[in-house]
Amino acid sequence: MKNNESEFKRMKKVIISCVAGSALEWYDFAVYGFFATIIGKLFFPSGDQFQQLIASFGAFASGLIARPIGAVLFGYIGDVLGRKKALVISIYMMAIPTALMGLLPTYQYIGIWAGICLTLIRILQGLALGGGFTGTIVFLYEHSSKEKKSTYSAWAPFSLVTGFILGALVATCMDKILTTEQLESFGWRVPFIISFLGTFIAKYVRDKLEDPVEFTEAQRTTKSSEKQNLLGNLFKNHWKGLILVVMTDVLTACGYFLIAIFFTTYFETVLCLGRHYAFIIQTINMFFFALFILFGGWLADRIGKRTQMILSVLSLAALAYPLFTVMEEGTFVGALLGQLGIIFLFSIYYGPIPATICSMFPTKMRLVGVSISHNFAMAAFGAYAPTLATYLIKYTGNIAIPSVLFIASSLITAIALFFWIEGMEY
């Protein structure tokens, strides 16, 4: 009991700092998702609402595509120069561009340059995310004890959802107190501008935290030649781990961005519930999402990661379409419960994911390995998931059709989990 208490006391500062820093990075994604309709209208004017949404989601996707480049950059910084240094730089690189996005002139003032500038900022944010979130994952994983790896690593995706909740609350408040005209005029800008406060979080992390002991010990035994040929050694000796992480993360990528980005627009424009009710449903379910993730991480340390994740992804594959038909009714309760069911099954899989992907690489190249494989999966399978779901609805007329994306990604992930053997880890 005393050991558990001392570990939690030691981890508390690490958890709070990492959650705050990572939440800032994902706060932006939430705000962007909530205001995707307005951003599409202001930056990509067109007579077709679907085309505006697709253009808006396309700018969103450009940031995700930049993540693999950021993964190489920040993975190298983290494995060679230090975990903390990579984390601090990524927070600054996210906070400042996000604030600048709230100051961008729209199409009305600078024409097509508005969309171009928006896309460039999304790319810069994508570079930061390429190392920020995975840096948080590795930082928590290496600071925690062997028996609590899944429990404490789950705080990384918890921070992701916390950022989304914060963004959802800010967006909901703006929607509540402002008219549609005011939102389109200036209201959508405010949530982006206040993200500049994240620079203070970066300063706290820089001043108060230290690199994990596991990492500093590995650094002492790592030869300078190994550091210089970090990527070569990774692809030569750990290519199986890279492939397994990518396949295991297919559901992470597709599922998260459908839940976090697509559903708000889905409730508002497809189910015709209106922006206000769409915001309320999304905000409520994100609270449950965060709690379910922590539960999933805690449970995995007790019953085993692999078994738990296989059961959850197969259940999601089987129940995704029925849950979408519940939402298809177009009622507030149906939308709330249908999405909540998907979130629960996804969270039981998602909670152990950070510990799972970290365990596939040795300490000396863990951050670059996790960053490259995880971000490649996010770019390849998550970037265009909201766009693809929108297209599927438009061209099939079936508003439950996005369920096939959950089904397909769940089955691919299940195959990877069958090949991955728990216990054969670093």
Protein backbone atom coordinates (compact mmCIF):
# COMPACT_ATOMS: atom_id res chain seq x y z
CA MET A 1 0.00 0.00 0.00
CA LYS A 2 2.80 2.44 0.91
CA ASN A 3 4.58 1.72 -2.37
CA ASN A 4 1.37 2.43 -4.28
CA GLU A 5 0.85 5.67 -2.40
CA SER A 6 4.43 6.84 -2.98
CA GLU A 7 4.18 5.99 -6.69
CA PHE A 8 0.94 7.93 -7.08
CA LYS A 9 2.47 10.90 -5.23
CA ARG A 10 5.47 10.79 -7.55
CA MET A 11 3.30 10.39 -10.63
CA LYS A 12 0.79 13.10 -9.70
CA LYS A 13 2.98 16.00 -10.86
CA VAL A 14 3.88 14.14 -14.05
CA ILE A 15 0.23 13.33 -14.79
CA ILE A 16 -1.03 16.86 -14.16
CA SER A 17 1.68 18.45 -16.30
CA CYS A 18 1.33 15.98 -19.16
CA VAL A 19 -2.48 16.13 -19.13
CA ALA A 20 -2.43 19.94 -19.21
CA GLY A 21 0.10 20.11 -22.04
CA SER A 22 -1.49 17.43 -24.19
CA ALA A 23 -5.02 18.71 -23.52
CA LEU A 24 -4.03 22.06 -25.01
CA GLU A 25 -2.95 20.36 -28.22
CA TRP A 26 -6.25 18.52 -28.58
CA TYR A 27 -8.38 21.45 -27.44
CA ASP A 28 -7.78 22.94 -30.87
CA PHE A 29 -9.08 19.83 -32.63
CA ALA A 30 -12.29 19.99 -30.62
CA VAL A 31 -12.90 23.65 -31.36
CA TYR A 32 -12.18 23.08 -35.04
CA GLY A 33 -14.65 20.20 -35.13
CA PHE A 34 -17.38 22.20 -33.39
CA PHE A 35 -16.96 25.15 -35.75
CA ALA A 36 -16.24 23.13 -38.92
CA THR A 37 -19.49 24.32 -40.52
CA ILE A 38 -18.71 28.01 -39.86
CA ILE A 39 -15.06 27.65 -40.89
CA GLY A 40 -16.12 25.97 -44.12
CA LYS A 41 -18.53 28.82 -44.86
CA LEU A 42 -16.03 31.60 -44.07
CA PHE A 43 -12.88 30.15 -45.62
CA PHE A 44 -14.23 27.98 -48.44
CA PRO A 45 -17.41 29.67 -49.72
CA SER A 46 -19.62 27.60 -51.98
CA GLY A 47 -23.31 27.09 -52.61
CA ASP A 48 -23.11 23.45 -51.47
CA GLN A 49 -22.95 22.88 -47.70
CA PHE A 50 -21.46 19.40 -48.18
CA GLN A 51 -18.66 20.86 -50.33
CA GLN A 52 -17.92 23.45 -47.64
CA LEU A 53 -17.73 20.73 -45.01
CA ILE A 54 -15.49 18.59 -47.17
CA ALA A 55 -13.13 21.53 -47.79
CA SER A 56 -13.09 22.33 -44.06
CA PHE A 57 -12.35 18.70 -43.17
CA GLY A 58 -9.71 18.68 -45.91
CA ALA A 59 -7.84 21.54 -44.20
CA PHE A 60 -8.18 19.60 -40.96
CA ALA A 61 -6.73 16.50 -42.65
CA SER A 62 -3.70 18.42 -43.93
CA GLY A 63 -2.52 18.83 -40.34
CA LEU A 64 -2.76 15.11 -39.73
CA ILE A 65 -0.80 14.36 -42.90
CA ALA A 66 2.06 16.53 -41.56
CA ARG A 67 2.22 14.46 -38.39
CA PRO A 68 4.60 11.75 -39.72
CA ILE A 69 7.16 14.48 -40.52
CA GLY A 70 6.74 15.86 -37.01
CA ALA A 71 7.07 12.32 -35.70
CA VAL A 72 10.55 11.94 -37.20
CA LEU A 73 11.61 15.40 -36.01
CA PHE A 74 10.34 15.16 -32.43
CA GLY A 75 11.09 11.44 -32.14
CA TYR A 76 14.73 12.18 -32.89
CA ILE A 77 14.79 15.14 -30.48
CA GLY A 78 13.21 13.04 -27.73
CA ASP A 79 15.44 9.99 -28.13
CA VAL A 80 18.68 11.95 -28.55
CA LEU A 81 18.25 15.23 -26.66
CA GLY A 82 15.63 14.31 -24.07
CA ARG A 83 11.94 13.54 -23.57
CA LYS A 84 11.24 16.82 -21.78
CA LYS A 85 12.81 18.97 -24.47
CA ALA A 86 10.66 17.39 -27.19
CA LEU A 87 7.53 17.83 -25.07
CA VAL A 88 8.16 21.52 -24.32
CA ILE A 89 8.90 22.47 -27.94
CA SER A 90 5.78 20.68 -29.17
CA ILE A 91 3.54 22.58 -26.72
CA TYR A 92 4.93 25.95 -27.87
CA MET A 93 4.50 24.92 -31.51
CA MET A 94 0.85 24.12 -30.89
CA ALA A 95 -0.15 27.04 -28.64
CA ILE A 96 1.15 29.88 -30.80
CA PRO A 97 -0.21 28.78 -34.23
CA THR A 98 -3.58 27.93 -32.68
CA ALA A 99 -3.84 31.46 -31.30
CA LEU A 100 -2.84 32.85 -34.71
CA MET A 101 -5.64 30.88 -36.38
CA GLY A 102 -8.13 33.01 -34.47
CA LEU A 103 -6.62 36.10 -36.10
CA LEU A 104 -6.77 34.91 -39.72
CA PRO A 105 -8.69 37.05 -42.24
CA THR A 106 -11.45 35.18 -44.07
CA TYR A 107 -12.20 34.63 -47.77
CA GLN A 108 -14.15 37.88 -47.84
CA TYR A 109 -10.94 39.85 -47.27
CA ILE A 110 -8.11 37.90 -48.94
CA GLY A 111 -9.86 35.41 -51.21
CA ILE A 112 -8.33 31.96 -51.70
CA TRP A 113 -5.37 32.95 -49.52
CA ALA A 114 -7.65 32.52 -46.51
CA GLY A 115 -7.97 28.79 -47.12
CA ILE A 116 -4.27 28.52 -47.96
CA CYS A 117 -3.21 30.27 -44.72
CA LEU A 118 -5.60 28.12 -42.70
CA THR A 119 -4.14 24.97 -44.25
CA LEU A 120 -0.55 26.12 -43.59
CA ILE A 121 -1.34 26.69 -39.91
CA ARG A 122 -2.95 23.25 -39.71
CA ILE A 123 0.24 21.78 -41.16
CA LEU A 124 2.39 23.54 -38.53
CA GLN A 125 0.06 22.25 -35.80
CA GLY A 126 0.33 18.79 -37.33
CA LEU A 127 4.12 18.91 -37.02
CA ALA A 128 3.74 19.73 -33.32
CA LEU A 129 1.23 16.95 -32.79
CA GLY A 130 3.62 14.55 -34.48
CA GLY A 131 5.72 14.54 -31.33
CA GLY A 132 3.52 16.10 -28.67
CA PHE A 133 0.99 13.37 -28.02
CA THR A 134 3.43 10.47 -28.45
CA GLY A 135 5.88 12.38 -26.26
CA THR A 136 3.22 12.44 -23.54
CA ILE A 137 2.56 8.73 -23.99
CA VAL A 138 6.24 7.78 -23.64
CA PHE A 139 6.81 10.24 -20.77
CA LEU A 140 4.00 8.66 -18.71
CA TYR A 141 4.93 5.11 -19.69
CA GLU A 142 8.57 5.46 -18.66
CA HIS A 143 7.80 7.26 -15.39
CA SER A 144 5.39 4.51 -14.21
CA SER A 145 6.16 1.12 -12.63
CA LYS A 146 5.92 -2.13 -14.60
CA GLU A 147 2.69 -3.15 -12.82
CA LYS A 148 0.96 0.18 -13.59
CA LYS A 149 2.03 0.87 -17.18
CA SER A 150 -1.49 0.71 -18.66
CA THR A 151 -3.07 2.53 -15.71
CA TYR A 152 -0.81 5.57 -15.88
CA SER A 153 -0.27 5.58 -19.66
CA ALA A 154 -4.05 5.82 -20.10
CA TRP A 155 -3.81 9.38 -18.81
CA ALA A 156 -2.39 10.32 -22.23
CA PRO A 157 -5.60 9.56 -24.18
CA PHE A 158 -7.49 10.91 -21.16
CA SER A 159 -5.70 14.23 -21.74
CA LEU A 160 -6.68 14.06 -25.39
CA VAL A 161 -10.35 13.76 -24.45
CA THR A 162 -9.96 16.36 -21.68
CA GLY A 163 -8.75 18.82 -24.28
CA PHE A 164 -11.74 17.96 -26.38
CA ILE A 165 -14.09 18.48 -23.42
CA LEU A 166 -12.53 21.87 -22.71
CA GLY A 167 -12.95 22.84 -26.34
CA ALA A 168 -16.51 21.54 -26.33
CA LEU A 169 -17.41 23.54 -23.22
CA VAL A 170 -15.93 26.74 -24.64
CA ALA A 171 -17.68 26.20 -27.99
CA THR A 172 -20.99 25.37 -26.29
CA CYS A 173 -20.79 28.51 -24.14
CA MET A 174 -20.05 30.63 -27.19
CA ASP A 175 -22.99 29.08 -29.01
CA LYS A 176 -25.23 29.73 -26.00
CA ILE A 177 -24.41 33.38 -25.43
CA LEU A 178 -23.94 34.54 -29.04
CA THR A 179 -26.24 34.65 -32.02
CA THR A 180 -25.39 32.83 -35.26
CA GLU A 181 -24.38 36.16 -36.82
CA GLN A 182 -22.07 36.95 -33.90
CA LEU A 183 -20.51 33.48 -34.02
CA GLU A 184 -19.74 33.85 -37.71
CA SER A 185 -18.49 37.39 -37.23
CA PHE A 186 -16.11 37.02 -34.27
CA GLY A 187 -17.30 34.37 -31.83
CA TRP A 188 -15.57 31.42 -33.51
CA ARG A 189 -12.21 33.22 -33.14
CA VAL A 190 -12.23 33.55 -29.34
CA PRO A 191 -11.66 29.84 -28.47
CA PHE A 192 -8.60 29.73 -30.73
CA ILE A 193 -7.05 32.95 -29.42
CA ILE A 194 -7.20 31.95 -25.74
CA SER A 195 -5.06 28.87 -26.46
CA PHE A 196 -2.05 31.20 -26.16
CA LEU A 197 -2.28 30.44 -22.43
CA GLY A 198 -0.67 27.11 -23.27
CA THR A 199 2.73 28.81 -23.41
CA PHE A 200 2.61 29.01 -19.60
CA ILE A 201 2.07 25.24 -19.42
CA ALA A 202 5.16 24.71 -21.56
CA LYS A 203 7.19 26.88 -19.19
CA TYR A 204 5.99 24.86 -16.18
CA VAL A 205 6.92 21.55 -17.82
CA ARG A 206 10.33 22.97 -18.70
CA ASP A 207 11.02 24.17 -15.16
CA LYS A 208 9.43 21.47 -12.98
CA LEU A 209 9.77 18.07 -14.67
CA GLU A 210 12.73 15.79 -15.30
CA ASP A 211 13.35 13.08 -17.87
CA PRO A 212 12.31 9.54 -16.77
CA VAL A 213 15.02 7.51 -14.99
CA GLU A 214 14.44 4.68 -17.46
CA PHE A 215 15.41 7.00 -20.30
CA THR A 216 18.44 8.61 -18.61
CA GLU A 217 19.83 5.17 -17.74
CA ALA A 218 19.38 3.97 -21.31
CA GLN A 219 21.15 7.10 -22.57
CA ARG A 220 24.26 6.26 -20.56
CA THR A 221 24.62 2.91 -22.31
CA THR A 222 23.69 4.09 -25.81
CA LYS A 223 26.65 4.61 -28.12
CA SER A 224 26.96 7.83 -30.11
CA SER A 225 26.96 5.79 -33.34
CA GLU A 226 23.55 4.35 -32.38
CA LYS A 227 22.17 7.85 -31.88
CA GLN A 228 23.50 8.98 -35.25
CA ASN A 229 21.93 5.99 -37.01
CA LEU A 230 18.71 5.99 -35.00
CA LEU A 231 16.31 5.69 -37.93
CA GLY A 232 18.44 3.11 -39.73
CA ASN A 233 18.51 0.86 -36.65
CA LEU A 234 14.79 1.33 -36.13
CA PHE A 235 13.78 0.25 -39.64
CA LYS A 236 16.38 -2.52 -39.80
CA ASN A 237 15.80 -4.18 -36.43
CA HIS A 238 12.27 -3.17 -35.40
CA TRP A 239 10.24 -3.14 -38.63
CA LYS A 240 7.87 -5.77 -37.23
CA GLY A 241 7.06 -3.50 -34.30
CA LEU A 242 6.41 -0.60 -36.68
CA ILE A 243 3.97 -2.68 -38.75
CA LEU A 244 2.17 -4.04 -35.69
CA VAL A 245 1.71 -0.57 -34.19
CA VAL A 246 0.34 0.80 -37.47
CA MET A 247 -2.16 -2.06 -37.78
CA THR A 248 -3.11 -1.93 -34.10
CA ASP A 249 -3.66 1.83 -34.44
CA VAL A 250 -6.01 1.65 -37.44
CA LEU A 251 -9.03 1.73 -35.14
CA THR A 252 -7.39 4.39 -32.95
CA ALA A 253 -7.01 6.68 -35.96
CA CYS A 254 -10.32 6.09 -37.68
CA GLY A 255 -12.41 5.71 -34.53
CA TYR A 256 -11.14 8.71 -32.61
CA PHE A 257 -11.58 11.24 -35.39
CA LEU A 258 -15.03 9.99 -36.22
CA ILE A 259 -16.03 10.27 -32.56
CA ALA A 260 -14.33 13.61 -31.89
CA ILE A 261 -14.68 15.47 -35.19
CA PHE A 262 -17.35 13.90 -37.37
CA PHE A 263 -20.16 13.25 -34.89
CA THR A 264 -20.77 16.89 -34.03
CA THR A 265 -21.47 17.74 -37.66
CA TYR A 266 -23.36 14.45 -38.08
CA PHE A 267 -25.78 15.33 -35.27
CA GLU A 268 -26.17 18.90 -36.48
CA THR A 269 -26.57 18.56 -40.25
CA VAL A 270 -27.41 14.89 -40.96
CA LEU A 271 -29.70 14.07 -38.04
CA CYS A 272 -30.95 17.71 -38.08
CA LEU A 273 -30.75 18.08 -34.30
CA GLY A 274 -29.32 21.59 -34.57
CA ARG A 275 -25.99 22.98 -33.40
CA HIS A 276 -27.09 23.49 -29.79
CA TYR A 277 -28.21 19.90 -29.19
CA ALA A 278 -25.25 18.54 -31.17
CA PHE A 279 -22.88 20.40 -28.83
CA ILE A 280 -24.69 19.15 -25.72
CA ILE A 281 -24.62 15.48 -26.84
CA GLN A 282 -20.96 15.66 -27.78
CA THR A 283 -19.96 17.36 -24.53
CA ILE A 284 -21.83 14.87 -22.31
CA ASN A 285 -20.42 11.84 -24.10
CA MET A 286 -16.88 13.19 -24.01
CA PHE A 287 -17.03 13.21 -20.21
CA PHE A 288 -17.93 9.52 -20.27
CA PHE A 289 -15.26 8.92 -22.91
CA ALA A 290 -12.54 10.26 -20.58
CA LEU A 291 -13.72 8.11 -17.65
CA PHE A 292 -14.06 4.97 -19.77
CA ILE A 293 -10.47 5.38 -21.03
CA LEU A 294 -9.08 5.44 -17.48
CA PHE A 295 -11.20 2.41 -16.65
CA GLY A 296 -9.84 0.61 -19.73
CA GLY A 297 -6.24 1.29 -18.69
CA TRP A 298 -6.87 0.20 -15.09
CA LEU A 299 -8.61 -2.99 -16.21
CA ALA A 300 -5.82 -3.96 -18.61
CA ASP A 301 -3.27 -4.09 -15.78
CA ARG A 302 -5.50 -6.68 -14.11
CA ILE A 303 -6.76 -8.96 -16.88
CA GLY A 304 -4.16 -8.39 -19.65
CA LYS A 305 -4.05 -5.95 -22.54
CA ARG A 306 -4.36 -8.32 -25.49
CA THR A 307 -7.45 -10.25 -24.37
CA GLN A 308 -9.25 -7.08 -23.34
CA MET A 309 -8.56 -5.27 -26.59
CA ILE A 310 -9.50 -8.21 -28.83
CA LEU A 311 -12.87 -8.58 -27.08
CA SER A 312 -13.60 -4.85 -27.32
CA VAL A 313 -12.71 -4.44 -31.02
CA LEU A 314 -14.71 -7.52 -32.05
CA SER A 315 -17.68 -6.25 -30.04
CA LEU A 316 -17.40 -2.87 -31.76
CA ALA A 317 -17.31 -4.53 -35.18
CA ALA A 318 -20.46 -6.48 -34.34
CA LEU A 319 -22.42 -3.62 -32.76
CA ALA A 320 -21.39 -0.53 -34.76
CA TYR A 321 -24.22 -0.77 -37.29
CA PRO A 322 -26.97 -1.48 -34.70
CA LEU A 323 -25.74 1.50 -32.65
CA PHE A 324 -25.86 3.75 -35.72
CA THR A 325 -29.45 2.66 -36.36
CA VAL A 326 -30.27 3.86 -32.84
CA MET A 327 -28.85 7.27 -33.77
CA GLU A 328 -30.63 7.12 -37.13
CA GLU A 329 -33.96 7.71 -35.34
CA GLY A 330 -32.94 11.37 -35.13
CA THR A 331 -33.90 11.89 -31.48
CA PHE A 332 -31.78 13.49 -28.78
CA VAL A 333 -31.84 10.35 -26.61
CA GLY A 334 -31.15 8.03 -29.55
CA ALA A 335 -28.14 10.06 -30.66
CA LEU A 336 -26.83 10.29 -27.09
CA LEU A 337 -27.13 6.56 -26.35
CA GLY A 338 -25.99 5.36 -29.77
CA GLN A 339 -22.77 7.36 -29.62
CA LEU A 340 -22.23 6.43 -25.96
CA GLY A 341 -22.35 2.73 -26.86
CA ILE A 342 -19.69 3.21 -29.54
CA ILE A 343 -17.56 5.28 -27.15
CA PHE A 344 -17.69 2.64 -24.40
CA LEU A 345 -16.52 -0.20 -26.66
CA PHE A 346 -13.87 2.00 -28.25
CA SER A 347 -12.57 3.18 -24.84
CA ILE A 348 -12.01 -0.33 -23.47
CA TYR A 349 -9.71 -0.87 -26.44
CA TYR A 350 -8.22 2.63 -26.35
CA GLY A 351 -7.21 2.74 -22.66
CA PRO A 352 -4.40 0.13 -22.99
CA ILE A 353 -3.21 1.35 -26.41
CA PRO A 354 -0.45 3.71 -25.12
CA ALA A 355 1.21 0.99 -23.02
CA THR A 356 0.80 -1.50 -25.85
CA ILE A 357 2.54 0.57 -28.51
CA CYS A 358 5.30 1.74 -26.13
CA SER A 359 6.11 -1.86 -25.23
CA MET A 360 6.99 -2.70 -28.84
CA PHE A 361 10.22 -0.63 -28.89
CA PRO A 362 13.35 -0.49 -26.69
CA THR A 363 13.89 2.64 -24.59
CA LYS A 364 16.75 4.06 -26.70
CA MET A 365 14.50 4.37 -29.77
CA ARG A 366 11.05 4.25 -28.20
CA LEU A 367 9.88 7.80 -28.92
CA VAL A 368 10.91 7.81 -32.56
CA GLY A 369 9.43 4.31 -33.05
CA VAL A 370 6.12 5.16 -31.39
CA SER A 371 5.93 8.57 -33.07
CA ILE A 372 6.56 7.35 -36.61
CA SER A 373 4.24 4.32 -36.47
CA HIS A 374 1.44 6.00 -34.52
CA ASN A 375 1.45 9.16 -36.62
CA PHE A 376 1.62 7.26 -39.88
CA ALA A 377 -1.51 5.38 -38.81
CA MET A 378 -3.24 8.62 -37.82
CA ALA A 379 -2.40 10.23 -41.17
CA ALA A 380 -3.23 7.19 -43.30
CA PHE A 381 -6.38 6.01 -41.54
CA GLY A 382 -7.64 8.99 -39.53
CA ALA A 383 -7.00 12.11 -41.60
CA TYR A 384 -9.80 11.59 -44.08
CA ALA A 385 -12.19 9.53 -41.96
CA PRO A 386 -14.59 12.50 -41.39
CA THR A 387 -14.39 13.41 -45.08
CA LEU A 388 -15.00 9.82 -46.19
CA ALA A 389 -17.94 9.45 -43.82
CA THR A 390 -19.47 12.64 -45.26
CA TYR A 391 -19.04 11.40 -48.83
CA LEU A 392 -20.54 7.99 -48.00
CA ILE A 393 -23.69 9.59 -46.60
CA LYS A 394 -24.05 11.96 -49.55
CA TYR A 395 -23.62 9.35 -52.28
CA THR A 396 -25.45 6.41 -50.67
CA GLY A 397 -28.22 8.29 -48.88
CA ASN A 398 -27.74 5.89 -45.94
CA ILE A 399 -27.10 7.88 -42.75
CA ALA A 400 -25.94 4.74 -40.91
CA ILE A 401 -23.24 4.04 -43.52
CA PRO A 402 -20.35 5.54 -41.44
CA SER A 403 -20.62 2.40 -39.29
CA VAL A 404 -18.70 0.49 -42.01
CA LEU A 405 -15.63 2.58 -41.14
CA PHE A 406 -15.81 1.38 -37.52
CA ILE A 407 -16.38 -2.20 -38.67
CA ALA A 408 -13.50 -2.28 -41.16
CA SER A 409 -10.98 -0.57 -38.85
CA SER A 410 -11.97 -2.84 -35.94
CA LEU A 411 -11.37 -5.98 -37.99
CA ILE A 412 -7.94 -4.78 -39.21
CA THR A 413 -6.94 -3.98 -35.62
CA ALA A 414 -8.21 -7.38 -34.44
CA ILE A 415 -5.90 -9.10 -36.95
CA ALA A 416 -2.91 -7.15 -35.59
CA LEU A 417 -3.82 -8.05 -32.01
CA PHE A 418 -3.97 -11.75 -32.89
CA PHE A 419 -0.38 -11.53 -34.18
CA TRP A 420 0.88 -9.48 -31.23
CA ILE A 421 1.86 -11.69 -28.26
CA GLU A 422 1.57 -10.15 -24.82
CA GLY A 423 4.77 -10.71 -22.87
CA MET A 424 7.08 -10.40 -25.88
CA GLU A 425 7.73 -6.77 -24.99
CA TYR A 426 10.55 -4.39 -24.16
